[in-house]
Amino acid sequence: MPSDPIADIYERTLLSEVPRIAPGDPQLSALARRLPGDRQAAIVDAGCGNGRYALGLARNGYTNVLGVDLFDRLETQGLFRYDTADVAHLPLPDESVDLVYSMSVVHYLPNPEDGFREFGRVLKPGGTVVLSAHTRYSPFTWVRAVARACGRAKHLRGLKFWSAGQYVRMLRSAGLEVLDVDGFYLLFVPMVLRHGLRILLGGRATTAAPDLEAARNARRSWRWLRRLRSIFGYHLLIAARKPE
């Protein structure tokens, strides 16, 4: 069992779930837009959880995917590699990776910039980072903070929530060039309705290989709306690159 209390919570909950990706998953769309064309490119899922995105990439022919998390072991179905490690201390040599993605993980680091510097260390020049995170001014985060204060949301104990602007500054301080800032699910009620409609129309989460082309070509919003989502949405989404 992992010694980290947050990893222990996730091992007892997340790892009991079948890894599935929902149709229209906005994190998959952000990732798909930055995927290398080379299916043998070195890719790291930093904080892979139950491995749903790593499995999705592997089922689409990506053969060099490494998942990293704090669990002692993870079922990879033989489709990708797994290593037990902190995302701020990746078990990889310098400049050995084409893409690092980290979904809903970096806000668990005491200082996310440590993770960004580590991502920059392992990335090849021109390599890309894609990440998502809770943000300070999101109403969804306020709900989480209230739940934490009431003794719930144990996985959020001790967390500091950072703003979208702070994440951007930390990435730049770590030597990375920010390419895109967005977010997803700006308002709670439309989010619930959207999920409900997908279920009614048969668009349930699936274990099948996700359609990366459809995810890559998902409609983009106006810049001002992306900016609003990055501040007030359910999650922030950022893409950055290591300068060549």
C-alpha atoms as a PDB file:
ATOM      1  CA  MET A   1       0.000   0.000   0.000  1.00  0.00           C
ATOM      2  CA  PRO A   2       1.255   3.531  -0.685  1.00  0.00           C
ATOM      3  CA  SER A   3       2.409   5.564   2.322  1.00  0.00           C
ATOM      4  CA  ASP A   4       1.052   8.830   0.923  1.00  0.00           C
ATOM      5  CA  PRO A   5      -2.461   9.430   2.393  1.00  0.00           C
ATOM      6  CA  ILE A   6      -3.831  10.901  -0.834  1.00  0.00           C
ATOM      7  CA  ALA A   7      -2.518   7.952  -2.846  1.00  0.00           C
ATOM      8  CA  ASP A   8      -4.136   5.646  -0.290  1.00  0.00           C
ATOM      9  CA  ILE A   9      -7.523   7.348  -0.766  1.00  0.00           C
ATOM     10  CA  TYR A  10      -7.260   7.052  -4.532  1.00  0.00           C
ATOM     11  CA  GLU A  11      -6.096   3.459  -4.375  1.00  0.00           C
ATOM     12  CA  ARG A  12      -9.227   2.544  -2.430  1.00  0.00           C
ATOM     13  CA  THR A  13     -11.572   4.427  -4.771  1.00  0.00           C
ATOM     14  CA  LEU A  14     -10.191   5.274  -8.191  1.00  0.00           C
ATOM     15  CA  LEU A  15      -8.386   1.986  -8.768  1.00  0.00           C
ATOM     16  CA  SER A  16     -11.587   0.062  -8.075  1.00  0.00           C
ATOM     17  CA  GLU A  17     -13.174   1.680 -11.143  1.00  0.00           C
ATOM     18  CA  VAL A  18     -12.876   0.400 -14.702  1.00  0.00           C
ATOM     19  CA  PRO A  19     -10.789   2.924 -16.705  1.00  0.00           C
ATOM     20  CA  ARG A  20     -13.240   4.637 -19.047  1.00  0.00           C
ATOM     21  CA  ILE A  21     -13.244   7.806 -21.156  1.00  0.00           C
ATOM     22  CA  ALA A  22     -16.490   9.687 -21.736  1.00  0.00           C
ATOM     23  CA  PRO A  23     -17.447  10.966 -25.197  1.00  0.00           C
ATOM     24  CA  GLY A  24     -16.414  14.595 -25.581  1.00  0.00           C
ATOM     25  CA  ASP A  25     -13.966  14.431 -22.672  1.00  0.00           C
ATOM     26  CA  PRO A  26     -12.396  17.942 -22.683  1.00  0.00           C
ATOM     27  CA  GLN A  27      -9.125  16.716 -21.180  1.00  0.00           C
ATOM     28  CA  LEU A  28      -8.783  14.160 -23.968  1.00  0.00           C
ATOM     29  CA  SER A  29      -9.454  16.910 -26.520  1.00  0.00           C
ATOM     30  CA  ALA A  30      -6.722  19.115 -25.046  1.00  0.00           C
ATOM     31  CA  LEU A  31      -4.333  16.170 -25.089  1.00  0.00           C
ATOM     32  CA  ALA A  32      -5.265  15.021 -28.603  1.00  0.00           C
ATOM     33  CA  ARG A  33      -4.468  18.457 -30.052  1.00  0.00           C
ATOM     34  CA  ARG A  34      -0.879  18.164 -28.798  1.00  0.00           C
ATOM     35  CA  LEU A  35      -0.136  14.509 -29.499  1.00  0.00           C
ATOM     36  CA  PRO A  36       2.922  13.748 -31.635  1.00  0.00           C
ATOM     37  CA  GLY A  37       2.182  12.236 -35.016  1.00  0.00           C
ATOM     38  CA  ASP A  38       4.834   9.579 -34.388  1.00  0.00           C
ATOM     39  CA  ARG A  39       3.169   6.635 -32.617  1.00  0.00           C
ATOM     40  CA  GLN A  40       6.568   5.680 -31.141  1.00  0.00           C
ATOM     41  CA  ALA A  41       7.079   9.072 -29.466  1.00  0.00           C
ATOM     42  CA  ALA A  42       7.952   8.956 -25.762  1.00  0.00           C
ATOM     43  CA  ILE A  43       4.921  10.031 -23.719  1.00  0.00           C
ATOM     44  CA  VAL A  44       4.544  10.313 -19.933  1.00  0.00           C
ATOM     45  CA  ASP A  45       1.256  10.313 -18.057  1.00  0.00           C
ATOM     46  CA  ALA A  46       2.378  12.089 -14.877  1.00  0.00           C
ATOM     47  CA  GLY A  47      -0.127  11.057 -12.235  1.00  0.00           C
ATOM     48  CA  CYS A  48      -1.926   8.480 -14.353  1.00  0.00           C
ATOM     49  CA  GLY A  49      -4.544   7.407 -11.791  1.00  0.00           C
ATOM     50  CA  ASN A  50      -6.235   4.265 -13.074  1.00  0.00           C
ATOM     51  CA  GLY A  51      -4.548   4.739 -16.448  1.00  0.00           C
ATOM     52  CA  ARG A  52      -7.566   5.665 -18.553  1.00  0.00           C
ATOM     53  CA  TYR A  53      -5.729   8.144 -20.807  1.00  0.00           C
ATOM     54  CA  ALA A  54      -2.613   5.983 -21.089  1.00  0.00           C
ATOM     55  CA  LEU A  55      -4.818   3.050 -22.109  1.00  0.00           C
ATOM     56  CA  GLY A  56      -6.644   5.292 -24.587  1.00  0.00           C
ATOM     57  CA  LEU A  57      -3.396   6.296 -26.251  1.00  0.00           C
ATOM     58  CA  ALA A  58      -2.082   2.741 -26.285  1.00  0.00           C
ATOM     59  CA  ARG A  59      -5.288   1.502 -27.916  1.00  0.00           C
ATOM     60  CA  ASN A  60      -4.694   4.110 -30.609  1.00  0.00           C
ATOM     61  CA  GLY A  61      -1.286   2.695 -31.424  1.00  0.00           C
ATOM     62  CA  TYR A  62       1.036   4.720 -29.173  1.00  0.00           C
ATOM     63  CA  THR A  63       3.674   2.201 -28.133  1.00  0.00           C
ATOM     64  CA  ASN A  64       5.923   4.195 -25.796  1.00  0.00           C
ATOM     65  CA  VAL A  65       3.638   5.444 -23.010  1.00  0.00           C
ATOM     66  CA  LEU A  66       4.794   5.508 -19.379  1.00  0.00           C
ATOM     67  CA  GLY A  67       2.305   5.993 -16.551  1.00  0.00           C
ATOM     68  CA  VAL A  68       3.621   7.334 -13.244  1.00  0.00           C
ATOM     69  CA  ASP A  69       1.806   7.526  -9.916  1.00  0.00           C
ATOM     70  CA  LEU A  70       2.272   6.749  -6.231  1.00  0.00           C
ATOM     71  CA  PHE A  71       0.507   3.376  -6.237  1.00  0.00           C
ATOM     72  CA  ASP A  72       2.582   0.272  -5.621  1.00  0.00           C
ATOM     73  CA  ARG A  73       1.209  -1.335  -8.767  1.00  0.00           C
ATOM     74  CA  LEU A  74      -1.290  -0.672 -11.528  1.00  0.00           C
ATOM     75  CA  GLU A  75      -3.091  -2.895 -14.021  1.00  0.00           C
ATOM     76  CA  THR A  76      -1.874  -1.759 -17.440  1.00  0.00           C
ATOM     77  CA  GLN A  77      -3.383  -4.655 -19.446  1.00  0.00           C
ATOM     78  CA  GLY A  78       0.090  -4.973 -20.962  1.00  0.00           C
ATOM     79  CA  LEU A  79      -0.511  -1.886 -23.103  1.00  0.00           C
ATOM     80  CA  PHE A  80       1.718   0.681 -21.383  1.00  0.00           C
ATOM     81  CA  ARG A  81       4.488   0.789 -18.797  1.00  0.00           C
ATOM     82  CA  TYR A  82       3.960   1.854 -15.188  1.00  0.00           C
ATOM     83  CA  ASP A  83       6.406   3.118 -12.564  1.00  0.00           C
ATOM     84  CA  THR A  84       5.853   4.172  -8.952  1.00  0.00           C
ATOM     85  CA  ALA A  85       7.184   7.706  -8.566  1.00  0.00           C
ATOM     86  CA  ASP A  86       6.350  11.273  -7.581  1.00  0.00           C
ATOM     87  CA  VAL A  87       5.546  13.459 -10.595  1.00  0.00           C
ATOM     88  CA  ALA A  88       8.090  15.989  -9.289  1.00  0.00           C
ATOM     89  CA  HIS A  89      10.801  13.283  -9.394  1.00  0.00           C
ATOM     90  CA  LEU A  90      10.316  11.341 -12.605  1.00  0.00           C
ATOM     91  CA  PRO A  91      12.477   8.226 -13.135  1.00  0.00           C
ATOM     92  CA  LEU A  92      13.703   9.426 -16.522  1.00  0.00           C
ATOM     93  CA  PRO A  93      16.877  10.921 -17.996  1.00  0.00           C
ATOM     94  CA  ASP A  94      17.107  14.511 -19.164  1.00  0.00           C
ATOM     95  CA  GLU A  95      15.541  15.415 -22.518  1.00  0.00           C
ATOM     96  CA  SER A  96      14.127  11.963 -23.174  1.00  0.00           C
ATOM     97  CA  VAL A  97      10.391  12.640 -23.580  1.00  0.00           C
ATOM     98  CA  ASP A  98       8.283  14.156 -26.377  1.00  0.00           C
ATOM     99  CA  LEU A  99       5.114  14.836 -24.380  1.00  0.00           C
ATOM    100  CA  VAL A 100       4.183  15.008 -20.698  1.00  0.00           C
ATOM    101  CA  TYR A 101       0.564  15.289 -19.663  1.00  0.00           C
ATOM    102  CA  SER A 102      -0.756  15.559 -16.118  1.00  0.00           C
ATOM    103  CA  MET A 103      -4.500  15.584 -15.561  1.00  0.00           C
ATOM    104  CA  SER A 104      -5.859  16.916 -12.270  1.00  0.00           C
ATOM    105  CA  VAL A 105      -2.612  16.218 -10.408  1.00  0.00           C
ATOM    106  CA  VAL A 106      -0.302  19.240 -10.105  1.00  0.00           C
ATOM    107  CA  HIS A 107      -2.493  20.984  -7.514  1.00  0.00           C
ATOM    108  CA  TYR A 108      -1.492  18.205  -5.097  1.00  0.00           C
ATOM    109  CA  LEU A 109       2.130  19.373  -5.188  1.00  0.00           C
ATOM    110  CA  PRO A 110       3.156  21.774  -2.388  1.00  0.00           C
ATOM    111  CA  ASN A 111       4.782  23.872  -5.121  1.00  0.00           C
ATOM    112  CA  PRO A 112       3.553  23.058  -8.645  1.00  0.00           C
ATOM    113  CA  GLU A 113       6.583  24.837 -10.118  1.00  0.00           C
ATOM    114  CA  ASP A 114       8.714  21.933  -8.868  1.00  0.00           C
ATOM    115  CA  GLY A 115       6.667  19.641 -11.082  1.00  0.00           C
ATOM    116  CA  PHE A 116       6.902  22.018 -14.031  1.00  0.00           C
ATOM    117  CA  ARG A 117      10.685  22.184 -13.728  1.00  0.00           C
ATOM    118  CA  GLU A 118      10.782  18.396 -13.669  1.00  0.00           C
ATOM    119  CA  PHE A 119       8.597  18.215 -16.755  1.00  0.00           C
ATOM    120  CA  GLY A 120      10.952  20.650 -18.441  1.00  0.00           C
ATOM    121  CA  ARG A 121      13.956  18.559 -17.419  1.00  0.00           C
ATOM    122  CA  VAL A 122      12.698  15.354 -19.029  1.00  0.00           C
ATOM    123  CA  LEU A 123      11.234  17.005 -22.135  1.00  0.00           C
ATOM    124  CA  LYS A 124      13.184  17.155 -25.348  1.00  0.00           C
ATOM    125  CA  PRO A 125      13.594  20.655 -26.817  1.00  0.00           C
ATOM    126  CA  GLY A 126      10.301  21.412 -28.536  1.00  0.00           C
ATOM    127  CA  GLY A 127       8.487  18.884 -26.341  1.00  0.00           C
ATOM    128  CA  THR A 128       5.029  19.645 -24.978  1.00  0.00           C
ATOM    129  CA  VAL A 129       3.238  19.711 -21.611  1.00  0.00           C
ATOM    130  CA  VAL A 130      -0.549  19.424 -21.239  1.00  0.00           C
ATOM    131  CA  LEU A 131      -2.098  19.733 -17.797  1.00  0.00           C
ATOM    132  CA  SER A 132      -5.349  20.334 -15.977  1.00  0.00           C
ATOM    133  CA  ALA A 133      -5.914  21.547 -12.422  1.00  0.00           C
ATOM    134  CA  HIS A 134      -8.383  22.974  -9.934  1.00  0.00           C
ATOM    135  CA  THR A 135      -8.175  26.769  -9.705  1.00  0.00           C
ATOM    136  CA  ARG A 136      -8.623  29.209  -6.853  1.00  0.00           C
ATOM    137  CA  TYR A 137     -11.529  31.319  -8.138  1.00  0.00           C
ATOM    138  CA  SER A 138     -13.712  28.548  -9.531  1.00  0.00           C
ATOM    139  CA  PRO A 139     -17.133  28.116  -7.870  1.00  0.00           C
ATOM    140  CA  PHE A 140     -16.511  24.376  -8.159  1.00  0.00           C
ATOM    141  CA  THR A 141     -13.405  24.853  -6.011  1.00  0.00           C
ATOM    142  CA  TRP A 142     -15.396  26.842  -3.469  1.00  0.00           C
ATOM    143  CA  VAL A 143     -17.790  23.912  -3.162  1.00  0.00           C
ATOM    144  CA  ARG A 144     -14.815  21.605  -2.656  1.00  0.00           C
ATOM    145  CA  ALA A 145     -13.409  23.950   0.000  1.00  0.00           C
ATOM    146  CA  VAL A 146     -16.726  23.955   1.886  1.00  0.00           C
ATOM    147  CA  ALA A 147     -16.878  20.166   1.698  1.00  0.00           C
ATOM    148  CA  ARG A 148     -13.310  19.981   3.018  1.00  0.00           C
ATOM    149  CA  ALA A 149     -14.171  22.316   5.909  1.00  0.00           C
ATOM    150  CA  CYS A 150     -17.094  20.026   6.784  1.00  0.00           C
ATOM    151  CA  GLY A 151     -14.806  17.011   7.030  1.00  0.00           C
ATOM    152  CA  ARG A 152     -15.524  15.655   3.577  1.00  0.00           C
ATOM    153  CA  ALA A 153     -13.291  15.669   0.465  1.00  0.00           C
ATOM    154  CA  LYS A 154     -10.470  14.069   2.446  1.00  0.00           C
ATOM    155  CA  HIS A 155      -8.287  13.913  -0.664  1.00  0.00           C
ATOM    156  CA  LEU A 156      -8.149  17.741  -0.628  1.00  0.00           C
ATOM    157  CA  ARG A 157      -6.871  18.153   2.913  1.00  0.00           C
ATOM    158  CA  GLY A 158      -3.960  20.571   3.106  1.00  0.00           C
ATOM    159  CA  LEU A 159      -4.190  21.587  -0.547  1.00  0.00           C
ATOM    160  CA  LYS A 160      -3.537  25.136  -1.637  1.00  0.00           C
ATOM    161  CA  PHE A 161      -5.553  26.234  -4.650  1.00  0.00           C
ATOM    162  CA  TRP A 162      -3.693  28.338  -7.206  1.00  0.00           C
ATOM    163  CA  SER A 163      -5.149  30.722  -9.771  1.00  0.00           C
ATOM    164  CA  ALA A 164      -4.864  30.326 -13.546  1.00  0.00           C
ATOM    165  CA  GLY A 165      -2.513  33.318 -13.645  1.00  0.00           C
ATOM    166  CA  GLN A 166      -0.271  31.770 -11.008  1.00  0.00           C
ATOM    167  CA  TYR A 167      -0.031  28.523 -12.981  1.00  0.00           C
ATOM    168  CA  VAL A 168       0.929  30.473 -16.100  1.00  0.00           C
ATOM    169  CA  ARG A 169       3.637  32.386 -14.216  1.00  0.00           C
ATOM    170  CA  MET A 170       5.003  29.183 -12.657  1.00  0.00           C
ATOM    171  CA  LEU A 171       5.231  27.501 -16.053  1.00  0.00           C
ATOM    172  CA  ARG A 172       7.098  30.465 -17.470  1.00  0.00           C
ATOM    173  CA  SER A 173       9.379  30.609 -14.435  1.00  0.00           C
ATOM    174  CA  ALA A 174      10.173  26.931 -15.048  1.00  0.00           C
ATOM    175  CA  GLY A 175      11.371  27.859 -18.539  1.00  0.00           C
ATOM    176  CA  LEU A 176       8.313  26.689 -20.470  1.00  0.00           C
ATOM    177  CA  GLU A 177       6.474  28.659 -23.138  1.00  0.00           C
ATOM    178  CA  VAL A 178       2.706  28.774 -22.600  1.00  0.00           C
ATOM    179  CA  LEU A 179       0.828  27.895 -25.801  1.00  0.00           C
ATOM    180  CA  ASP A 180      -2.811  27.835 -24.750  1.00  0.00           C
ATOM    181  CA  VAL A 181      -4.921  28.531 -21.662  1.00  0.00           C
ATOM    182  CA  ASP A 182      -8.459  27.195 -21.414  1.00  0.00           C
ATOM    183  CA  GLY A 183     -10.764  25.379 -19.021  1.00  0.00           C
ATOM    184  CA  PHE A 184     -13.938  23.368 -19.120  1.00  0.00           C
ATOM    185  CA  TYR A 185     -17.456  23.275 -17.659  1.00  0.00           C
ATOM    186  CA  LEU A 186     -17.949  26.941 -16.863  1.00  0.00           C
ATOM    187  CA  LEU A 187     -21.342  26.584 -15.183  1.00  0.00           C
ATOM    188  CA  PHE A 188     -22.611  23.801 -12.932  1.00  0.00           C
ATOM    189  CA  VAL A 189     -26.178  23.367 -14.263  1.00  0.00           C
ATOM    190  CA  PRO A 190     -25.180  23.144 -17.972  1.00  0.00           C
ATOM    191  CA  MET A 191     -22.498  20.617 -16.991  1.00  0.00           C
ATOM    192  CA  VAL A 192     -25.095  18.394 -15.285  1.00  0.00           C
ATOM    193  CA  LEU A 193     -27.501  18.756 -18.216  1.00  0.00           C
ATOM    194  CA  ARG A 194     -24.749  17.945 -20.694  1.00  0.00           C
ATOM    195  CA  HIS A 195     -23.810  14.750 -18.871  1.00  0.00           C
ATOM    196  CA  GLY A 196     -27.469  13.806 -18.529  1.00  0.00           C
ATOM    197  CA  LEU A 197     -28.137  14.240 -22.237  1.00  0.00           C
ATOM    198  CA  ARG A 198     -25.123  12.140 -23.151  1.00  0.00           C
ATOM    199  CA  ILE A 199     -26.372   9.311 -20.954  1.00  0.00           C
ATOM    200  CA  LEU A 200     -29.911   9.553 -22.376  1.00  0.00           C
ATOM    201  CA  LEU A 201     -28.537   9.515 -25.930  1.00  0.00           C
ATOM    202  CA  GLY A 202     -26.355   6.518 -25.208  1.00  0.00           C
ATOM    203  CA  GLY A 203     -23.066   8.388 -24.953  1.00  0.00           C
ATOM    204  CA  ARG A 204     -21.755   6.561 -21.926  1.00  0.00           C
ATOM    205  CA  ALA A 205     -18.114   6.352 -20.957  1.00  0.00           C
ATOM    206  CA  THR A 206     -16.396   3.457 -22.681  1.00  0.00           C
ATOM    207  CA  THR A 207     -13.295   1.307 -22.414  1.00  0.00           C
ATOM    208  CA  ALA A 208     -12.905   1.240 -26.203  1.00  0.00           C
ATOM    209  CA  ALA A 209     -10.160   3.152 -27.979  1.00  0.00           C
ATOM    210  CA  PRO A 210     -11.199   6.818 -28.006  1.00  0.00           C
ATOM    211  CA  ASP A 211     -11.580   8.649 -31.305  1.00  0.00           C
ATOM    212  CA  LEU A 212      -8.523  10.901 -31.167  1.00  0.00           C
ATOM    213  CA  GLU A 213      -9.330  12.559 -34.486  1.00  0.00           C
ATOM    214  CA  ALA A 214     -12.761  13.639 -33.257  1.00  0.00           C
ATOM    215  CA  ALA A 215     -11.236  14.792 -29.971  1.00  0.00           C
ATOM    216  CA  ARG A 216      -8.559  16.765 -31.809  1.00  0.00           C
ATOM    217  CA  ASN A 217     -11.129  18.476 -34.005  1.00  0.00           C
ATOM    218  CA  ALA A 218     -13.595  19.317 -31.232  1.00  0.00           C
ATOM    219  CA  ARG A 219     -14.919  22.849 -31.698  1.00  0.00           C
ATOM    220  CA  ARG A 220     -12.872  25.578 -30.035  1.00  0.00           C
ATOM    221  CA  SER A 221     -14.469  28.543 -28.280  1.00  0.00           C
ATOM    222  CA  TRP A 222     -13.784  32.251 -28.522  1.00  0.00           C
ATOM    223  CA  ARG A 223     -10.652  33.398 -26.714  1.00  0.00           C
ATOM    224  CA  TRP A 224     -12.606  35.406 -24.143  1.00  0.00           C
ATOM    225  CA  LEU A 225     -14.696  32.346 -23.277  1.00  0.00           C
ATOM    226  CA  ARG A 226     -11.591  30.189 -22.932  1.00  0.00           C
ATOM    227  CA  ARG A 227     -10.193  32.812 -20.594  1.00  0.00           C
ATOM    228  CA  LEU A 228     -13.348  32.751 -18.455  1.00  0.00           C
ATOM    229  CA  ARG A 229     -13.270  28.959 -18.301  1.00  0.00           C
ATOM    230  CA  SER A 230      -9.630  28.984 -17.214  1.00  0.00           C
ATOM    231  CA  ILE A 231     -10.546  31.144 -14.205  1.00  0.00           C
ATOM    232  CA  PHE A 232     -14.020  29.976 -13.228  1.00  0.00           C
ATOM    233  CA  GLY A 233     -14.422  26.549 -14.846  1.00  0.00           C
ATOM    234  CA  TYR A 234     -14.417  23.110 -13.307  1.00  0.00           C
ATOM    235  CA  HIS A 235     -10.764  22.698 -14.301  1.00  0.00           C
ATOM    236  CA  LEU A 236      -8.044  24.768 -15.894  1.00  0.00           C
ATOM    237  CA  LEU A 237      -6.386  23.418 -19.058  1.00  0.00           C
ATOM    238  CA  ILE A 238      -2.912  24.588 -20.128  1.00  0.00           C
ATOM    239  CA  ALA A 239      -0.577  23.568 -22.948  1.00  0.00           C
ATOM    240  CA  ALA A 240       3.080  24.621 -22.887  1.00  0.00           C
ATOM    241  CA  ARG A 241       6.295  23.691 -24.665  1.00  0.00           C
ATOM    242  CA  LYS A 242       9.984  23.535 -23.961  1.00  0.00           C
ATOM    243  CA  PRO A 243      11.825  26.005 -26.227  1.00  0.00           C
ATOM    244  CA  GLU A 244      14.135  24.475 -28.814  1.00  0.00           C
END
